[in-house]
C-alpha atoms as a PDB file:
ATOM      1  CA  UNK A   1     -21.574 -10.598  13.320  1.00  0.00           C
ATOM      2  CA  UNK A   2     -25.362 -10.436  13.693  1.00  0.00           C
ATOM      3  CA  UNK A   3     -27.626  -8.756  11.157  1.00  0.00           C
ATOM      4  CA  UNK A   4     -26.904  -5.068  11.419  1.00  0.00           C
ATOM      5  CA  UNK A   5     -29.456  -2.272  11.155  1.00  0.00           C
ATOM      6  CA  UNK A   6     -26.822  -0.180   9.348  1.00  0.00           C
ATOM      7  CA  UNK A   7     -26.442  -2.820   6.630  1.00  0.00           C
ATOM      8  CA  UNK A   8     -23.588  -4.871   5.227  1.00  0.00           C
ATOM      9  CA  UNK A   9     -20.061  -3.752   6.122  1.00  0.00           C
ATOM     10  CA  UNK A  10     -17.976  -3.316   2.959  1.00  0.00           C
ATOM     11  CA  UNK A  11     -14.189  -3.566   3.105  1.00  0.00           C
ATOM     12  CA  UNK A  12     -11.982  -2.545   0.172  1.00  0.00           C
ATOM     13  CA  UNK A  13      -8.728  -4.491  -0.064  1.00  0.00           C
ATOM     14  CA  UNK A  14      -6.039  -5.745  -2.412  1.00  0.00           C
ATOM     15  CA  UNK A  15      -5.625  -9.397  -3.363  1.00  0.00           C
ATOM     16  CA  UNK A  16      -1.798  -9.417  -3.340  1.00  0.00           C
ATOM     17  CA  UNK A  17       0.111 -11.885  -1.191  1.00  0.00           C
ATOM     18  CA  UNK A  18       1.152  -9.057   1.139  1.00  0.00           C
ATOM     19  CA  UNK A  19      -2.407  -8.329   2.296  1.00  0.00           C
ATOM     20  CA  UNK A  20      -3.149 -11.818   3.603  1.00  0.00           C
ATOM     21  CA  UNK A  21      -2.104 -11.135   7.232  1.00  0.00           C
ATOM     22  CA  UNK A  22      -4.597  -8.259   7.235  1.00  0.00           C
ATOM     23  CA  UNK A  23      -7.638  -9.668   5.449  1.00  0.00           C
ATOM     24  CA  UNK A  24      -7.466 -13.468   5.335  1.00  0.00           C
ATOM     25  CA  UNK A  25     -10.719 -14.889   6.685  1.00  0.00           C
ATOM     26  CA  UNK A  26     -12.673 -11.622   6.854  1.00  0.00           C
ATOM     27  CA  UNK A  27     -14.774 -12.626   3.855  1.00  0.00           C
ATOM     28  CA  UNK A  28     -16.161 -15.513   5.910  1.00  0.00           C
ATOM     29  CA  UNK A  29     -17.615 -13.255   8.610  1.00  0.00           C
ATOM     30  CA  UNK A  30     -21.399 -12.792   8.295  1.00  0.00           C
ATOM     31  CA  UNK A  31     -22.314  -9.230   7.448  1.00  0.00           C
ATOM     32  CA  UNK A  32     -18.906  -8.432   5.940  1.00  0.00           C
ATOM     33  CA  UNK A  33     -18.172  -8.200   2.225  1.00  0.00           C
ATOM     34  CA  UNK A  34     -14.583  -7.865   1.056  1.00  0.00           C
ATOM     35  CA  UNK A  35     -14.344  -5.946  -2.215  1.00  0.00           C
ATOM     36  CA  UNK A  36     -11.016  -6.681  -3.954  1.00  0.00           C
ATOM     37  CA  UNK A  37      -9.347  -4.288  -6.381  1.00  0.00           C
ATOM     38  CA  UNK A  38      -5.930  -2.922  -7.293  1.00  0.00           C
ATOM     39  CA  UNK A  39      -4.580  -0.236  -4.930  1.00  0.00           C
ATOM     40  CA  UNK A  40      -5.060   2.575  -7.450  1.00  0.00           C
ATOM     41  CA  UNK A  41      -8.841   2.032  -7.558  1.00  0.00           C
ATOM     42  CA  UNK A  42      -9.614   1.432  -3.891  1.00  0.00           C
ATOM     43  CA  UNK A  43      -9.687   5.125  -3.011  1.00  0.00           C
ATOM     44  CA  UNK A  44     -12.204   5.800  -5.805  1.00  0.00           C
ATOM     45  CA  UNK A  45     -14.421   3.024  -4.487  1.00  0.00           C
ATOM     46  CA  UNK A  46     -14.289   4.614  -1.029  1.00  0.00           C
ATOM     47  CA  UNK A  47     -15.080   8.069  -2.437  1.00  0.00           C
ATOM     48  CA  UNK A  48     -18.009   6.640  -4.422  1.00  0.00           C
ATOM     49  CA  UNK A  49     -19.506   5.028  -1.336  1.00  0.00           C
ATOM     50  CA  UNK A  50     -18.898   1.464  -2.538  1.00  0.00           C
ATOM     51  CA  UNK A  51     -16.832   0.664   0.553  1.00  0.00           C
ATOM     52  CA  UNK A  52     -16.891   1.842   4.166  1.00  0.00           C
ATOM     53  CA  UNK A  53     -13.217   1.207   4.974  1.00  0.00           C
ATOM     54  CA  UNK A  54     -10.500   0.710   2.360  1.00  0.00           C
ATOM     55  CA  UNK A  55      -6.816  -0.156   2.214  1.00  0.00           C
ATOM     56  CA  UNK A  56      -5.805   2.894   0.160  1.00  0.00           C
ATOM     57  CA  UNK A  57      -2.486   4.039  -1.239  1.00  0.00           C
ATOM     58  CA  UNK A  58      -1.321   6.690   1.220  1.00  0.00           C
ATOM     59  CA  UNK A  59      -0.686   9.274  -1.513  1.00  0.00           C
ATOM     60  CA  UNK A  60      -4.389   9.115  -2.412  1.00  0.00           C
ATOM     61  CA  UNK A  61      -5.178  10.827   0.887  1.00  0.00           C
ATOM     62  CA  UNK A  62      -3.624  13.917  -0.683  1.00  0.00           C
ATOM     63  CA  UNK A  63      -5.566  13.847  -3.943  1.00  0.00           C
ATOM     64  CA  UNK A  64      -8.934  12.481  -2.834  1.00  0.00           C
ATOM     65  CA  UNK A  65     -12.067  14.393  -3.772  1.00  0.00           C
ATOM     66  CA  UNK A  66     -13.416  13.747  -0.255  1.00  0.00           C
ATOM     67  CA  UNK A  67     -11.757  14.241   3.147  1.00  0.00           C
ATOM     68  CA  UNK A  68     -10.172  10.982   4.260  1.00  0.00           C
ATOM     69  CA  UNK A  69      -9.114   9.919   7.745  1.00  0.00           C
ATOM     70  CA  UNK A  70      -6.446   7.372   8.568  1.00  0.00           C
ATOM     71  CA  UNK A  71      -7.776   4.542  10.736  1.00  0.00           C
ATOM     72  CA  UNK A  72      -4.624   3.141  12.422  1.00  0.00           C
ATOM     73  CA  UNK A  73      -5.572  -0.533  12.656  1.00  0.00           C
ATOM     74  CA  UNK A  74      -3.064  -1.850  10.128  1.00  0.00           C
ATOM     75  CA  UNK A  75      -0.953  -1.033   7.105  1.00  0.00           C
ATOM     76  CA  UNK A  76       1.249  -2.425   4.361  1.00  0.00           C
ATOM     77  CA  UNK A  77       4.702  -1.078   5.107  1.00  0.00           C
ATOM     78  CA  UNK A  78       8.364  -1.872   5.464  1.00  0.00           C
ATOM     79  CA  UNK A  79      11.408  -0.737   7.420  1.00  0.00           C
ATOM     80  CA  UNK A  80      13.956  -1.112   4.651  1.00  0.00           C
ATOM     81  CA  UNK A  81      13.818  -3.657   1.836  1.00  0.00           C
ATOM     82  CA  UNK A  82      10.438  -4.541   0.335  1.00  0.00           C
ATOM     83  CA  UNK A  83      11.250  -6.892  -2.598  1.00  0.00           C
ATOM     84  CA  UNK A  84       7.924  -5.931  -4.159  1.00  0.00           C
ATOM     85  CA  UNK A  85       8.432  -2.279  -5.111  1.00  0.00           C
ATOM     86  CA  UNK A  86      11.481  -2.068  -7.333  1.00  0.00           C
ATOM     87  CA  UNK A  87      12.912  -0.034 -10.185  1.00  0.00           C
ATOM     88  CA  UNK A  88      14.873  -1.866 -12.909  1.00  0.00           C
ATOM     89  CA  UNK A  89      16.988  -0.016 -15.476  1.00  0.00           C
ATOM     90  CA  UNK A  90      19.303  -0.683 -18.410  1.00  0.00           C
ATOM     91  CA  UNK A  91      21.400   2.394 -17.566  1.00  0.00           C
ATOM     92  CA  UNK A  92      22.470   4.106 -14.352  1.00  0.00           C
ATOM     93  CA  UNK A  93      19.553   5.344 -12.268  1.00  0.00           C
ATOM     94  CA  UNK A  94      20.902   8.893 -11.995  1.00  0.00           C
ATOM     95  CA  UNK A  95      20.788   9.246 -15.790  1.00  0.00           C
ATOM     96  CA  UNK A  96      17.108   8.434 -16.135  1.00  0.00           C
ATOM     97  CA  UNK A  97      14.689  11.044 -17.458  1.00  0.00           C
ATOM     98  CA  UNK A  98      11.642   8.771 -17.809  1.00  0.00           C
ATOM     99  CA  UNK A  99      10.438   5.552 -16.200  1.00  0.00           C
ATOM    100  CA  UNK A 100       7.635   3.230 -17.194  1.00  0.00           C
ATOM    101  CA  UNK A 101       5.480   2.445 -14.180  1.00  0.00           C
ATOM    102  CA  UNK A 102       3.136  -0.264 -13.123  1.00  0.00           C
ATOM    103  CA  UNK A 103       0.280   2.103 -12.252  1.00  0.00           C
ATOM    104  CA  UNK A 104      -1.612  -0.204  -9.879  1.00  0.00           C
ATOM    105  CA  UNK A 105      -0.146   1.727  -6.930  1.00  0.00           C
ATOM    106  CA  UNK A 106      -0.193   5.528  -6.947  1.00  0.00           C
ATOM    107  CA  UNK A 107       2.022   5.592  -3.861  1.00  0.00           C
ATOM    108  CA  UNK A 108       4.798   3.554  -5.471  1.00  0.00           C
ATOM    109  CA  UNK A 109       4.856   5.828  -8.523  1.00  0.00           C
ATOM    110  CA  UNK A 110       4.971   8.934  -6.319  1.00  0.00           C
ATOM    111  CA  UNK A 111       7.709   7.392  -4.158  1.00  0.00           C
ATOM    112  CA  UNK A 112       9.829   6.674  -7.242  1.00  0.00           C
ATOM    113  CA  UNK A 113       9.460  10.305  -8.318  1.00  0.00           C
ATOM    114  CA  UNK A 114      10.400  11.580  -4.862  1.00  0.00           C
ATOM    115  CA  UNK A 115      13.447   9.340  -4.544  1.00  0.00           C
ATOM    116  CA  UNK A 116      14.768  10.156  -8.015  1.00  0.00           C
ATOM    117  CA  UNK A 117      14.206  13.885  -7.456  1.00  0.00           C
ATOM    118  CA  UNK A 118      16.181  13.646  -4.213  1.00  0.00           C
ATOM    119  CA  UNK A 119      19.005  11.819  -6.028  1.00  0.00           C
ATOM    120  CA  UNK A 120      19.188  13.868  -9.222  1.00  0.00           C
ATOM    121  CA  UNK A 121      17.592  17.215  -8.383  1.00  0.00           C
ATOM    122  CA  UNK A 122      15.039  16.843 -11.155  1.00  0.00           C
ATOM    123  CA  UNK A 123      11.656  15.209 -11.548  1.00  0.00           C
ATOM    124  CA  UNK A 124      11.519  12.268 -13.946  1.00  0.00           C
ATOM    125  CA  UNK A 125       8.620  11.736 -16.314  1.00  0.00           C
ATOM    126  CA  UNK A 126       6.469   8.659 -15.818  1.00  0.00           C
ATOM    127  CA  UNK A 127       4.485   6.638 -18.344  1.00  0.00           C
ATOM    128  CA  UNK A 128       2.177   3.646 -17.803  1.00  0.00           C
ATOM    129  CA  UNK A 129       3.564   0.158 -18.306  1.00  0.00           C
ATOM    130  CA  UNK A 130       1.111  -2.689 -18.975  1.00  0.00           C
ATOM    131  CA  UNK A 131       2.570  -5.750 -17.197  1.00  0.00           C
ATOM    132  CA  UNK A 132       1.370  -8.022 -20.008  1.00  0.00           C
ATOM    133  CA  UNK A 133       3.622  -6.165 -22.484  1.00  0.00           C
ATOM    134  CA  UNK A 134       6.140  -8.353 -24.301  1.00  0.00           C
ATOM    135  CA  UNK A 135       8.766  -5.598 -24.342  1.00  0.00           C
ATOM    136  CA  UNK A 136      10.440  -4.392 -21.165  1.00  0.00           C
ATOM    137  CA  UNK A 137      11.240  -0.645 -21.256  1.00  0.00           C
ATOM    138  CA  UNK A 138      14.637   0.865 -20.541  1.00  0.00           C
ATOM    139  CA  UNK A 139      13.528   1.635 -16.977  1.00  0.00           C
ATOM    140  CA  UNK A 140      10.496   0.069 -15.342  1.00  0.00           C
ATOM    141  CA  UNK A 141       8.893   0.214 -11.894  1.00  0.00           C
ATOM    142  CA  UNK A 142       7.134  -2.996 -10.848  1.00  0.00           C
ATOM    143  CA  UNK A 143       5.038  -3.603  -7.743  1.00  0.00           C
ATOM    144  CA  UNK A 144       3.390  -6.437  -5.863  1.00  0.00           C
ATOM    145  CA  UNK A 145       3.512 -10.079  -6.893  1.00  0.00           C
ATOM    146  CA  UNK A 146       4.610  -9.024 -10.397  1.00  0.00           C
ATOM    147  CA  UNK A 147       8.137  -8.315  -9.116  1.00  0.00           C
ATOM    148  CA  UNK A 148       8.504 -12.009  -8.379  1.00  0.00           C
ATOM    149  CA  UNK A 149       7.064 -13.040 -11.752  1.00  0.00           C
ATOM    150  CA  UNK A 150       8.089 -10.338 -14.234  1.00  0.00           C
ATOM    151  CA  UNK A 151      11.334  -8.735 -13.051  1.00  0.00           C
ATOM    152  CA  UNK A 152      13.745  -8.394 -15.998  1.00  0.00           C
ATOM    153  CA  UNK A 153      17.021 -10.325 -15.750  1.00  0.00           C
ATOM    154  CA  UNK A 154      20.084  -8.604 -14.359  1.00  0.00           C
ATOM    155  CA  UNK A 155      21.844  -9.189 -17.694  1.00  0.00           C
ATOM    156  CA  UNK A 156      19.522  -6.694 -19.432  1.00  0.00           C
ATOM    157  CA  UNK A 157      18.657  -4.436 -16.479  1.00  0.00           C
ATOM    158  CA  UNK A 158      21.697  -4.386 -14.181  1.00  0.00           C
ATOM    159  CA  UNK A 159      20.744  -1.165 -12.374  1.00  0.00           C
ATOM    160  CA  UNK A 160      18.017  -1.638  -9.771  1.00  0.00           C
ATOM    161  CA  UNK A 161      16.654  -0.011  -6.649  1.00  0.00           C
ATOM    162  CA  UNK A 162      14.404  -1.411  -3.954  1.00  0.00           C
ATOM    163  CA  UNK A 163      12.303   1.653  -3.099  1.00  0.00           C
ATOM    164  CA  UNK A 164      11.845   0.677   0.539  1.00  0.00           C
ATOM    165  CA  UNK A 165      15.608   0.458   1.053  1.00  0.00           C
ATOM    166  CA  UNK A 166      16.160   3.756  -0.767  1.00  0.00           C
ATOM    167  CA  UNK A 167      13.562   5.521   1.406  1.00  0.00           C
ATOM    168  CA  UNK A 168      15.145   4.144   4.582  1.00  0.00           C
ATOM    169  CA  UNK A 169      18.564   5.392   3.465  1.00  0.00           C
ATOM    170  CA  UNK A 170      17.127   8.831   2.676  1.00  0.00           C
ATOM    171  CA  UNK A 171      15.015   9.438   5.794  1.00  0.00           C
ATOM    172  CA  UNK A 172      15.863   6.788   8.378  1.00  0.00           C
ATOM    173  CA  UNK A 173      12.138   6.075   8.575  1.00  0.00           C
ATOM    174  CA  UNK A 174       9.958   3.104   7.715  1.00  0.00           C
ATOM    175  CA  UNK A 175       7.675   3.481   4.712  1.00  0.00           C
ATOM    176  CA  UNK A 176       3.929   2.931   4.417  1.00  0.00           C
ATOM    177  CA  UNK A 177       2.486   2.040   1.021  1.00  0.00           C
ATOM    178  CA  UNK A 178      -1.127   1.550   2.031  1.00  0.00           C
ATOM    179  CA  UNK A 179      -3.234   2.027   5.154  1.00  0.00           C
ATOM    180  CA  UNK A 180      -6.870   1.851   6.187  1.00  0.00           C
ATOM    181  CA  UNK A 181      -8.910   4.980   5.456  1.00  0.00           C
ATOM    182  CA  UNK A 182     -12.528   6.069   5.824  1.00  0.00           C
ATOM    183  CA  UNK A 183     -14.385   9.089   4.437  1.00  0.00           C
ATOM    184  CA  UNK A 184     -14.643  11.656   7.219  1.00  0.00           C
ATOM    185  CA  UNK A 185     -17.806  13.133   5.687  1.00  0.00           C
ATOM    186  CA  UNK A 186     -19.664   9.823   5.302  1.00  0.00           C
ATOM    187  CA  UNK A 187     -23.159   9.523   6.726  1.00  0.00           C
ATOM    188  CA  UNK A 188     -23.551   8.139  10.280  1.00  0.00           C
ATOM    189  CA  UNK A 189     -24.429   4.544   9.242  1.00  0.00           C
ATOM    190  CA  UNK A 190     -21.346   4.371   7.010  1.00  0.00           C
ATOM    191  CA  UNK A 191     -19.151   5.729   9.803  1.00  0.00           C
ATOM    192  CA  UNK A 192     -20.522   3.108  12.199  1.00  0.00           C
ATOM    193  CA  UNK A 193     -19.837   0.383   9.634  1.00  0.00           C
ATOM    194  CA  UNK A 194     -16.283   1.670   9.233  1.00  0.00           C
ATOM    195  CA  UNK A 195     -15.779   1.503  12.999  1.00  0.00           C
ATOM    196  CA  UNK A 196     -17.065  -2.079  13.128  1.00  0.00           C
ATOM    197  CA  UNK A 197     -14.741  -3.048  10.304  1.00  0.00           C
ATOM    198  CA  UNK A 198     -11.834  -1.350  12.059  1.00  0.00           C
ATOM    199  CA  UNK A 199     -12.400  -3.541  15.108  1.00  0.00           C
ATOM    200  CA  UNK A 200     -12.527  -6.689  12.967  1.00  0.00           C
ATOM    201  CA  UNK A 201      -9.453  -5.712  10.953  1.00  0.00           C
ATOM    202  CA  UNK A 202      -7.472  -4.955  14.108  1.00  0.00           C
ATOM    203  CA  UNK A 203      -8.410  -8.285  15.661  1.00  0.00           C
ATOM    204  CA  UNK A 204      -7.602 -10.140  12.434  1.00  0.00           C
ATOM    205  CA  UNK A 205      -4.151  -8.543  12.143  1.00  0.00           C
ATOM    206  CA  UNK A 206      -3.300  -9.387  15.753  1.00  0.00           C
ATOM    207  CA  UNK A 207      -4.528 -12.965  15.375  1.00  0.00           C
ATOM    208  CA  UNK A 208      -2.457 -13.506  12.239  1.00  0.00           C
ATOM    209  CA  UNK A 209       0.771 -12.136  13.716  1.00  0.00           C
ATOM    210  CA  UNK A 210       1.825 -15.628  14.793  1.00  0.00           C
ATOM    211  CA  UNK A 211       0.329 -17.335  11.732  1.00  0.00           C
ATOM    212  CA  UNK A 212       2.273 -15.551   8.981  1.00  0.00           C
ATOM    213  CA  UNK A 213       4.475 -18.579   8.078  1.00  0.00           C
ATOM    214  CA  UNK A 214       1.362 -20.739   7.748  1.00  0.00           C
ATOM    215  CA  UNK A 215      -0.329 -18.181   5.490  1.00  0.00           C
ATOM    216  CA  UNK A 216       2.813 -17.872   3.389  1.00  0.00           C
ATOM    217  CA  UNK A 217       3.170 -21.617   2.892  1.00  0.00           C
ATOM    218  CA  UNK A 218      -0.505 -21.990   2.025  1.00  0.00           C
ATOM    219  CA  UNK A 219      -0.718 -19.153  -0.500  1.00  0.00           C
ATOM    220  CA  UNK A 220       2.792 -18.760  -1.957  1.00  0.00           C
ATOM    221  CA  UNK A 221       2.310 -20.857  -5.085  1.00  0.00           C
ATOM    222  CA  UNK A 222      -0.992 -19.213  -6.021  1.00  0.00           C
ATOM    223  CA  UNK A 223       0.748 -15.823  -5.994  1.00  0.00           C
ATOM    224  CA  UNK A 224       3.833 -16.926  -7.925  1.00  0.00           C
ATOM    225  CA  UNK A 225       6.232 -17.124  -4.964  1.00  0.00           C
ATOM    226  CA  UNK A 226       8.418 -19.892  -3.624  1.00  0.00           C
ATOM    227  CA  UNK A 227       7.556 -20.849  -0.050  1.00  0.00           C
ATOM    228  CA  UNK A 228      10.883 -19.674   1.490  1.00  0.00           C
ATOM    229  CA  UNK A 229      10.599 -16.327  -0.331  1.00  0.00           C
ATOM    230  CA  UNK A 230       7.012 -15.851   0.806  1.00  0.00           C
ATOM    231  CA  UNK A 231       7.803 -16.710   4.437  1.00  0.00           C
ATOM    232  CA  UNK A 232      10.735 -14.266   4.495  1.00  0.00           C
ATOM    233  CA  UNK A 233       8.727 -11.565   2.731  1.00  0.00           C
ATOM    234  CA  UNK A 234       5.613 -11.698   4.907  1.00  0.00           C
ATOM    235  CA  UNK A 235       7.320 -12.591   8.153  1.00  0.00           C
ATOM    236  CA  UNK A 236      10.470 -10.469   8.039  1.00  0.00           C
ATOM    237  CA  UNK A 237      10.325  -7.653   5.505  1.00  0.00           C
ATOM    238  CA  UNK A 238       6.809  -6.287   5.883  1.00  0.00           C
ATOM    239  CA  UNK A 239       5.355  -4.212   8.717  1.00  0.00           C
ATOM    240  CA  UNK A 240       1.637  -4.459   9.452  1.00  0.00           C
ATOM    241  CA  UNK A 241       1.267  -2.439  12.661  1.00  0.00           C
ATOM    242  CA  UNK A 242       0.483   1.255  12.253  1.00  0.00           C
ATOM    243  CA  UNK A 243       2.760   3.026  14.753  1.00  0.00           C
ATOM    244  CA  UNK A 244       3.770   6.582  15.596  1.00  0.00           C
ATOM    245  CA  UNK A 245       6.823   6.164  13.348  1.00  0.00           C
ATOM    246  CA  UNK A 246       4.552   4.964  10.541  1.00  0.00           C
ATOM    247  CA  UNK A 247       2.450   8.100  10.839  1.00  0.00           C
ATOM    248  CA  UNK A 248       5.604  10.248  10.890  1.00  0.00           C
ATOM    249  CA  UNK A 249       6.745   8.467   7.726  1.00  0.00           C
ATOM    250  CA  UNK A 250       3.442   9.128   5.945  1.00  0.00           C
ATOM    251  CA  UNK A 251       3.586  12.820   6.817  1.00  0.00           C
ATOM    252  CA  UNK A 252       7.231  13.058   5.700  1.00  0.00           C
ATOM    253  CA  UNK A 253       6.356  11.367   2.408  1.00  0.00           C
ATOM    254  CA  UNK A 254       3.500  13.796   1.811  1.00  0.00           C
ATOM    255  CA  UNK A 255       5.786  16.750   2.552  1.00  0.00           C
ATOM    256  CA  UNK A 256       8.483  15.534   0.148  1.00  0.00           C
ATOM    257  CA  UNK A 257       5.901  14.777  -2.543  1.00  0.00           C
ATOM    258  CA  UNK A 258       4.697  18.381  -2.279  1.00  0.00           C
ATOM    259  CA  UNK A 259       8.263  19.728  -2.286  1.00  0.00           C
ATOM    260  CA  UNK A 260       9.023  17.956  -5.558  1.00  0.00           C
ATOM    261  CA  UNK A 261       5.745  18.804  -7.270  1.00  0.00           C
ATOM    262  CA  UNK A 262       4.291  15.301  -7.213  1.00  0.00           C
ATOM    263  CA  UNK A 263       1.249  16.761  -5.415  1.00  0.00           C
ATOM    264  CA  UNK A 264       0.203  20.398  -5.160  1.00  0.00           C
ATOM    265  CA  UNK A 265       0.521  20.746  -1.394  1.00  0.00           C
ATOM    266  CA  UNK A 266       0.578  18.535   1.676  1.00  0.00           C
ATOM    267  CA  UNK A 267      -2.816  18.263   3.342  1.00  0.00           C
ATOM    268  CA  UNK A 268      -2.978  17.596   7.088  1.00  0.00           C
ATOM    269  CA  UNK A 269      -3.290  13.905   7.916  1.00  0.00           C
ATOM    270  CA  UNK A 270      -6.453  13.395   9.946  1.00  0.00           C
ATOM    271  CA  UNK A 271      -6.579  10.310  12.165  1.00  0.00           C
ATOM    272  CA  UNK A 272      -9.608   8.505  13.557  1.00  0.00           C
ATOM    273  CA  UNK A 273      -8.943   5.725  16.049  1.00  0.00           C
ATOM    274  CA  UNK A 274     -12.209   4.082  17.134  1.00  0.00           C
ATOM    275  CA  UNK A 275     -10.379   1.605  19.355  1.00  0.00           C
ATOM    276  CA  UNK A 276      -8.745   4.366  21.399  1.00  0.00           C
ATOM    277  CA  UNK A 277     -12.094   6.135  21.654  1.00  0.00           C
ATOM    278  CA  UNK A 278     -13.736   2.916  22.889  1.00  0.00           C
ATOM    279  CA  UNK A 279     -11.079   2.466  25.563  1.00  0.00           C
ATOM    280  CA  UNK A 280     -11.287   6.114  26.582  1.00  0.00           C
END
């Protein structure tokens, strides 16, 4: 990318293993700066103008202080099992009244509340769980690479749910944990930067589609995974293309979150697709 009159393009992303097929190599493109953070803080960075395009938790679209638009050039999703968003419990899931949650992903916490409300008819309380804690609570929700490293043994926590599988059983839909968003009310230079990043992100995702096993083998150890687990996880379980079914799943999730009081009401999901506009 040549020097741009609109300035440096700033991309907010997560540094988990599961984001590699989306962002690997983008930090080496001139004029692009990748700003890493945990999912729960990426929306705030976008709202504060620190990034132009961010991989935000999809529930944050509903609670953002600024109007956000989905940019459908990629996602972190699944169509069933995830292996990286899981609830572990000492006692049967239907008996739970409170769960301790890894709060790095707002979407995962909201999804756990929705799924348990659908199962039990009541909303469970949630409390933060610091992953570095030496004591594992009675029921704990873990996300990301920490599931591979910190999951309690089945001997102490025999009751467990993979949230992606549970969502699929409930709705028949895939699930989307995070997707690319921009601020709809950003100034024109920021909107142009977001569109440029969208083009780069789309190209990067398509280029990596056939390279996922290579990425998994190269990065598995650094993220605490075995190579076979990483290859299966990235290459088989995850879904990176934002499709019509993905968008239906996001809207359904928002509606159920509102129904169960996780959010106040479901806001309309605005979509901005600069690639479709370019073709048109």
